[in-house]
Amino acid sequence: MEKCKACSDYFKWDDEVIEVDDEYYHKDCVTLYPTGYVAFLDDDCLGETENADGTTAYSILEEGQYIDDED
């Protein structure tokens, strides 16, 4: 299962996920700046992302990389 690179919690199927350079973060764990969008974790720049609004975990992760409510 895939974990958030910031908080190390597993993703649930409906979590809002930010993808940066093939790394995944909860939307609430990072700060997004509308400069094309660049994600920051605290003061560290993680890189650019295209999904500023976040994407549900089940949309971008493979089955088994997130917690399914049916489990």
PDB file of N, CA and C in Angstrom:
ATOM      1  N   MET A   1       0.839  -1.182   0.000  1.00  0.00           N
ATOM      2  CA  MET A   1       0.000   0.000   0.000  1.00  0.00           C
ATOM      3  C   MET A   1       0.882   1.242   0.000  1.00  0.00           C
ATOM      4  N   GLU A   2       0.387   2.268  -0.650  1.00  0.00           N
ATOM      5  CA  GLU A   2       1.136   3.524  -0.772  1.00  0.00           C
ATOM      6  C   GLU A   2       0.881   4.398   0.450  1.00  0.00           C
ATOM      7  N   LYS A   3       1.946   5.053   0.945  1.00  0.00           N
ATOM      8  CA  LYS A   3       1.849   5.967   2.077  1.00  0.00           C
ATOM      9  C   LYS A   3       2.154   7.388   1.616  1.00  0.00           C
ATOM     10  N   CYS A   4       1.587   8.342   2.324  1.00  0.00           N
ATOM     11  CA  CYS A   4       1.919   9.749   2.125  1.00  0.00           C
ATOM     12  C   CYS A   4       3.387   9.946   2.509  1.00  0.00           C
ATOM     13  N   LYS A   5       4.141  10.612   1.650  1.00  0.00           N
ATOM     14  CA  LYS A   5       5.562  10.839   1.914  1.00  0.00           C
ATOM     15  C   LYS A   5       5.783  11.837   3.049  1.00  0.00           C
ATOM     16  N   ALA A   6       4.755  12.577   3.443  1.00  0.00           N
ATOM     17  CA  ALA A   6       4.892  13.558   4.523  1.00  0.00           C
ATOM     18  C   ALA A   6       4.526  12.968   5.879  1.00  0.00           C
ATOM     19  N   CYS A   7       3.355  12.346   5.970  1.00  0.00           N
ATOM     20  CA  CYS A   7       2.857  11.887   7.273  1.00  0.00           C
ATOM     21  C   CYS A   7       2.951  10.375   7.457  1.00  0.00           C
ATOM     22  N   SER A   8       3.268   9.655   6.403  1.00  0.00           N
ATOM     23  CA  SER A   8       3.417   8.191   6.423  1.00  0.00           C
ATOM     24  C   SER A   8       2.124   7.434   6.669  1.00  0.00           C
ATOM     25  N   ASP A   9       0.974   8.111   6.586  1.00  0.00           N
ATOM     26  CA  ASP A   9      -0.311   7.417   6.690  1.00  0.00           C
ATOM     27  C   ASP A   9      -0.655   6.810   5.336  1.00  0.00           C
ATOM     28  N   TYR A  10      -1.303   5.648   5.375  1.00  0.00           N
ATOM     29  CA  TYR A  10      -1.757   5.030   4.136  1.00  0.00           C
ATOM     30  C   TYR A  10      -2.888   5.856   3.536  1.00  0.00           C
ATOM     31  N   PHE A  11      -2.986   5.843   2.216  1.00  0.00           N
ATOM     32  CA  PHE A  11      -4.062   6.545   1.543  1.00  0.00           C
ATOM     33  C   PHE A  11      -5.338   5.723   1.597  1.00  0.00           C
ATOM     34  N   LYS A  12      -6.442   6.395   1.889  1.00  0.00           N
ATOM     35  CA  LYS A  12      -7.765   5.788   1.768  1.00  0.00           C
ATOM     36  C   LYS A  12      -8.261   6.080   0.366  1.00  0.00           C
ATOM     37  N   TRP A  13      -9.233   5.354  -0.081  1.00  0.00           N
ATOM     38  CA  TRP A  13      -9.691   5.439  -1.467  1.00  0.00           C
ATOM     39  C   TRP A  13     -10.170   6.823  -1.861  1.00  0.00           C
ATOM     40  N   ASP A  14     -10.702   7.606  -0.910  1.00  0.00           N
ATOM     41  CA  ASP A  14     -11.259   8.911  -1.255  1.00  0.00           C
ATOM     42  C   ASP A  14     -10.407  10.083  -0.765  1.00  0.00           C
ATOM     43  N   ASP A  15      -9.179   9.824  -0.317  1.00  0.00           N
ATOM     44  CA  ASP A  15      -8.287  10.902   0.095  1.00  0.00           C
ATOM     45  C   ASP A  15      -7.936  11.779  -1.105  1.00  0.00           C
ATOM     46  N   GLU A  16      -7.779  13.065  -0.861  1.00  0.00           N
ATOM     47  CA  GLU A  16      -7.306  13.983  -1.892  1.00  0.00           C
ATOM     48  C   GLU A  16      -5.779  13.879  -1.914  1.00  0.00           C
ATOM     49  N   VAL A  17      -5.222  13.501  -3.055  1.00  0.00           N
ATOM     50  CA  VAL A  17      -3.803  13.195  -3.181  1.00  0.00           C
ATOM     51  C   VAL A  17      -3.146  14.163  -4.164  1.00  0.00           C
ATOM     52  N   ILE A  18      -1.980  14.655  -3.786  1.00  0.00           N
ATOM     53  CA  ILE A  18      -1.170  15.501  -4.646  1.00  0.00           C
ATOM     54  C   ILE A  18       0.011  14.664  -5.121  1.00  0.00           C
ATOM     55  N   GLU A  19       0.228  14.647  -6.433  1.00  0.00           N
ATOM     56  CA  GLU A  19       1.343  13.900  -7.016  1.00  0.00           C
ATOM     57  C   GLU A  19       2.429  14.876  -7.437  1.00  0.00           C
ATOM     58  N   VAL A  20       3.651  14.641  -6.963  1.00  0.00           N
ATOM     59  CA  VAL A  20       4.799  15.472  -7.310  1.00  0.00           C
ATOM     60  C   VAL A  20       5.957  14.542  -7.666  1.00  0.00           C
ATOM     61  N   ASP A  21       6.375  14.583  -8.921  1.00  0.00           N
ATOM     62  CA  ASP A  21       7.513  13.769  -9.369  1.00  0.00           C
ATOM     63  C   ASP A  21       7.375  12.307  -8.945  1.00  0.00           C
ATOM     64  N   ASP A  22       6.224  11.729  -9.203  1.00  0.00           N
ATOM     65  CA  ASP A  22       5.922  10.327  -8.887  1.00  0.00           C
ATOM     66  C   ASP A  22       5.944  10.017  -7.393  1.00  0.00           C
ATOM     67  N   GLU A  23       5.822  11.027  -6.552  1.00  0.00           N
ATOM     68  CA  GLU A  23       5.674  10.866  -5.105  1.00  0.00           C
ATOM     69  C   GLU A  23       4.277  11.345  -4.748  1.00  0.00           C
ATOM     70  N   TYR A  24       3.665  10.752  -3.718  1.00  0.00           N
ATOM     71  CA  TYR A  24       2.282  11.060  -3.369  1.00  0.00           C
ATOM     72  C   TYR A  24       2.187  11.622  -1.954  1.00  0.00           C
ATOM     73  N   TYR A  25       1.337  12.658  -1.812  1.00  0.00           N
ATOM     74  CA  TYR A  25       1.141  13.356  -0.544  1.00  0.00           C
ATOM     75  C   TYR A  25      -0.346  13.609  -0.353  1.00  0.00           C
ATOM     76  N   HIS A  26      -0.808  13.620   0.903  1.00  0.00           N
ATOM     77  CA  HIS A  26      -2.165  14.090   1.166  1.00  0.00           C
ATOM     78  C   HIS A  26      -2.206  15.579   0.842  1.00  0.00           C
ATOM     79  N   LYS A  27      -3.315  16.029   0.301  1.00  0.00           N
ATOM     80  CA  LYS A  27      -3.448  17.449  -0.035  1.00  0.00           C
ATOM     81  C   LYS A  27      -3.264  18.319   1.203  1.00  0.00           C
ATOM     82  N   ASP A  28      -3.739  17.853   2.356  1.00  0.00           N
ATOM     83  CA  ASP A  28      -3.634  18.640   3.583  1.00  0.00           C
ATOM     84  C   ASP A  28      -2.224  18.645   4.181  1.00  0.00           C
ATOM     85  N   CYS A  29      -1.337  17.781   3.703  1.00  0.00           N
ATOM     86  CA  CYS A  29       0.022  17.719   4.240  1.00  0.00           C
ATOM     87  C   CYS A  29       0.969  18.714   3.578  1.00  0.00           C
ATOM     88  N   VAL A  30       0.605  19.217   2.419  1.00  0.00           N
ATOM     89  CA  VAL A  30       1.497  20.121   1.692  1.00  0.00           C
ATOM     90  C   VAL A  30       0.835  21.480   1.517  1.00  0.00           C
ATOM     91  N   THR A  31       1.636  22.458   1.211  1.00  0.00           N
ATOM     92  CA  THR A  31       1.146  23.787   0.884  1.00  0.00           C
ATOM     93  C   THR A  31       1.332  23.993  -0.608  1.00  0.00           C
ATOM     94  N   LEU A  32       0.268  24.369  -1.278  1.00  0.00           N
ATOM     95  CA  LEU A  32       0.333  24.599  -2.717  1.00  0.00           C
ATOM     96  C   LEU A  32       0.355  26.096  -2.995  1.00  0.00           C
ATOM     97  N   TYR A  33       1.222  26.486  -3.904  1.00  0.00           N
ATOM     98  CA  TYR A  33       1.312  27.872  -4.316  1.00  0.00           C
ATOM     99  C   TYR A  33       0.936  27.951  -5.791  1.00  0.00           C
ATOM    100  N   PRO A  34       0.048  28.876  -6.158  1.00  0.00           N
ATOM    101  CA  PRO A  34      -0.438  28.952  -7.538  1.00  0.00           C
ATOM    102  C   PRO A  34       0.574  29.595  -8.492  1.00  0.00           C
ATOM    103  N   THR A  35       1.696  28.932  -8.641  1.00  0.00           N
ATOM    104  CA  THR A  35       2.733  29.413  -9.556  1.00  0.00           C
ATOM    105  C   THR A  35       2.916  28.420 -10.692  1.00  0.00           C
ATOM    106  N   GLY A  36       1.899  27.803 -11.044  1.00  0.00           N
ATOM    107  CA  GLY A  36       1.936  26.758 -12.054  1.00  0.00           C
ATOM    108  C   GLY A  36       1.509  25.485 -11.398  1.00  0.00           C
ATOM    109  N   TYR A  37       1.648  25.094 -10.443  1.00  0.00           N
ATOM    110  CA  TYR A  37       1.581  24.749  -9.047  1.00  0.00           C
ATOM    111  C   TYR A  37       2.849  24.056  -8.601  1.00  0.00           C
ATOM    112  N   VAL A  38       3.352  24.532  -7.478  1.00  0.00           N
ATOM    113  CA  VAL A  38       4.524  23.960  -6.846  1.00  0.00           C
ATOM    114  C   VAL A  38       4.100  23.552  -5.447  1.00  0.00           C
ATOM    115  N   ALA A  39       4.423  22.318  -5.066  1.00  0.00           N
ATOM    116  CA  ALA A  39       4.063  21.812  -3.738  1.00  0.00           C
ATOM    117  C   ALA A  39       5.250  21.976  -2.791  1.00  0.00           C
ATOM    118  N   PHE A  40       4.949  22.414  -1.561  1.00  0.00           N
ATOM    119  CA  PHE A  40       5.953  22.556  -0.518  1.00  0.00           C
ATOM    120  C   PHE A  40       5.560  21.700   0.673  1.00  0.00           C
ATOM    121  N   LEU A  41       6.529  21.093   1.309  1.00  0.00           N
ATOM    122  CA  LEU A  41       6.360  20.405   2.582  1.00  0.00           C
ATOM    123  C   LEU A  41       7.170  21.213   3.575  1.00  0.00           C
ATOM    124  N   ASP A  42       6.469  21.915   4.457  1.00  0.00           N
ATOM    125  CA  ASP A  42       7.090  22.919   5.315  1.00  0.00           C
ATOM    126  C   ASP A  42       7.748  23.952   4.396  1.00  0.00           C
ATOM    127  N   ASP A  43       9.051  24.156   4.501  1.00  0.00           N
ATOM    128  CA  ASP A  43       9.735  25.129   3.642  1.00  0.00           C
ATOM    129  C   ASP A  43      10.470  24.471   2.484  1.00  0.00           C
ATOM    130  N   ASP A  44      10.342  23.159   2.348  1.00  0.00           N
ATOM    131  CA  ASP A  44      11.056  22.430   1.302  1.00  0.00           C
ATOM    132  C   ASP A  44      10.198  22.292   0.051  1.00  0.00           C
ATOM    133  N   CYS A  45      10.735  22.731  -1.065  1.00  0.00           N
ATOM    134  CA  CYS A  45      10.036  22.610  -2.341  1.00  0.00           C
ATOM    135  C   CYS A  45      10.102  21.159  -2.810  1.00  0.00           C
ATOM    136  N   LEU A  46       8.933  20.571  -3.070  1.00  0.00           N
ATOM    137  CA  LEU A  46       8.863  19.190  -3.542  1.00  0.00           C
ATOM    138  C   LEU A  46       8.913  19.114  -5.056  1.00  0.00           C
ATOM    139  N   GLY A  47       8.465  20.161  -5.714  1.00  0.00           N
ATOM    140  CA  GLY A  47       8.454  20.197  -7.169  1.00  0.00           C
ATOM    141  C   GLY A  47       7.108  20.637  -7.701  1.00  0.00           C
ATOM    142  N   GLU A  48       6.985  20.634  -9.019  1.00  0.00           N
ATOM    143  CA  GLU A  48       5.752  21.070  -9.666  1.00  0.00           C
ATOM    144  C   GLU A  48       4.732  19.943  -9.715  1.00  0.00           C
ATOM    145  N   THR A  49       3.457  20.319  -9.717  1.00  0.00           N
ATOM    146  CA  THR A  49       2.370  19.356  -9.831  1.00  0.00           C
ATOM    147  C   THR A  49       1.281  19.960 -10.700  1.00  0.00           C
ATOM    148  N   GLU A  50       0.527  19.111 -11.341  1.00  0.00           N
ATOM    149  CA  GLU A  50      -0.576  19.578 -12.181  1.00  0.00           C
ATOM    150  C   GLU A  50      -1.921  19.415 -11.498  1.00  0.00           C
ATOM    151  N   ASN A  51      -1.968  18.701 -10.389  1.00  0.00           N
ATOM    152  CA  ASN A  51      -3.257  18.434  -9.754  1.00  0.00           C
ATOM    153  C   ASN A  51      -3.410  19.242  -8.467  1.00  0.00           C
ATOM    154  N   ALA A  52      -3.543  20.549  -8.614  1.00  0.00           N
ATOM    155  CA  ALA A  52      -3.631  21.464  -7.480  1.00  0.00           C
ATOM    156  C   ALA A  52      -4.839  21.200  -6.602  1.00  0.00           C
ATOM    157  N   ASP A  53      -5.916  20.703  -7.173  1.00  0.00           N
ATOM    158  CA  ASP A  53      -7.107  20.415  -6.386  1.00  0.00           C
ATOM    159  C   ASP A  53      -7.046  19.049  -5.739  1.00  0.00           C
ATOM    160  N   GLY A  54      -5.993  18.302  -6.000  1.00  0.00           N
ATOM    161  CA  GLY A  54      -5.891  16.943  -5.496  1.00  0.00           C
ATOM    162  C   GLY A  54      -6.692  16.006  -6.381  1.00  0.00           C
ATOM    163  N   THR A  55      -6.401  14.759  -6.279  1.00  0.00           N
ATOM    164  CA  THR A  55      -7.084  13.717  -7.033  1.00  0.00           C
ATOM    165  C   THR A  55      -7.371  12.591  -6.067  1.00  0.00           C
ATOM    166  N   THR A  56      -8.519  11.969  -6.180  1.00  0.00           N
ATOM    167  CA  THR A  56      -8.818  10.867  -5.270  1.00  0.00           C
ATOM    168  C   THR A  56      -7.771   9.772  -5.435  1.00  0.00           C
ATOM    169  N   ALA A  57      -7.403   9.160  -4.318  1.00  0.00           N
ATOM    170  CA  ALA A  57      -6.357   8.140  -4.324  1.00  0.00           C
ATOM    171  C   ALA A  57      -6.662   7.030  -5.315  1.00  0.00           C
ATOM    172  N   TYR A  58      -7.923   6.592  -5.395  1.00  0.00           N
ATOM    173  CA  TYR A  58      -8.252   5.479  -6.290  1.00  0.00           C
ATOM    174  C   TYR A  58      -8.096   5.842  -7.760  1.00  0.00           C
ATOM    175  N   SER A  59      -8.030   7.146  -8.068  1.00  0.00           N
ATOM    176  CA  SER A  59      -7.877   7.573  -9.459  1.00  0.00           C
ATOM    177  C   SER A  59      -6.436   7.497  -9.954  1.00  0.00           C
ATOM    178  N   ILE A  60      -5.469   7.622  -9.037  1.00  0.00           N
ATOM    179  CA  ILE A  60      -4.076   7.658  -9.489  1.00  0.00           C
ATOM    180  C   ILE A  60      -3.214   6.536  -8.928  1.00  0.00           C
ATOM    181  N   LEU A  61      -3.671   5.876  -7.866  1.00  0.00           N
ATOM    182  CA  LEU A  61      -2.911   4.767  -7.301  1.00  0.00           C
ATOM    183  C   LEU A  61      -3.504   3.448  -7.768  1.00  0.00           C
ATOM    184  N   GLU A  62      -2.691   2.421  -7.759  1.00  0.00           N
ATOM    185  CA  GLU A  62      -3.152   1.090  -8.124  1.00  0.00           C
ATOM    186  C   GLU A  62      -3.920   0.474  -6.953  1.00  0.00           C
ATOM    187  N   GLU A  63      -4.841  -0.422  -7.267  1.00  0.00           N
ATOM    188  CA  GLU A  63      -5.561  -1.139  -6.221  1.00  0.00           C
ATOM    189  C   GLU A  63      -4.532  -1.863  -5.357  1.00  0.00           C
ATOM    190  N   GLY A  64      -4.701  -1.774  -4.046  1.00  0.00           N
ATOM    191  CA  GLY A  64      -3.739  -2.350  -3.119  1.00  0.00           C
ATOM    192  C   GLY A  64      -2.772  -1.324  -2.563  1.00  0.00           C
ATOM    193  N   GLN A  65      -2.743  -0.114  -3.157  1.00  0.00           N
ATOM    194  CA  GLN A  65      -1.879   0.953  -2.665  1.00  0.00           C
ATOM    195  C   GLN A  65      -2.636   1.918  -1.759  1.00  0.00           C
ATOM    196  N   TYR A  66      -3.904   1.657  -1.519  1.00  0.00           N
ATOM    197  CA  TYR A  66      -4.716   2.500  -0.643  1.00  0.00           C
ATOM    198  C   TYR A  66      -5.678   1.606   0.123  1.00  0.00           C
ATOM    199  N   ILE A  67      -6.220   2.137   1.217  1.00  0.00           N
ATOM    200  CA  ILE A  67      -7.170   1.404   2.043  1.00  0.00           C
ATOM    201  C   ILE A  67      -8.538   1.508   1.402  1.00  0.00           C
ATOM    202  N   ASP A  68      -9.148   0.382   1.140  1.00  0.00           N
ATOM    203  CA  ASP A  68     -10.489   0.337   0.563  1.00  0.00           C
ATOM    204  C   ASP A  68     -11.484   0.205   1.707  1.00  0.00           C
ATOM    205  N   ASP A  69     -12.574   0.946   1.657  1.00  0.00           N
ATOM    206  CA  ASP A  69     -13.578   0.879   2.721  1.00  0.00           C
ATOM    207  C   ASP A  69     -14.130  -0.522   2.913  1.00  0.00           C
ATOM    208  N   GLU A  70     -14.043  -1.352   1.889  1.00  0.00           N
ATOM    209  CA  GLU A  70     -14.575  -2.704   1.981  1.00  0.00           C
ATOM    210  C   GLU A  70     -13.630  -3.638   2.720  1.00  0.00           C
ATOM    211  N   ASP A  71     -12.373  -3.198   2.971  1.00  0.00           N
ATOM    212  CA  ASP A  71     -11.392  -4.053   3.663  1.00  0.00           C
ATOM    213  C   ASP A  71     -11.656  -4.100   5.142  1.00  0.00           C
TER     214      ASP A  71
END
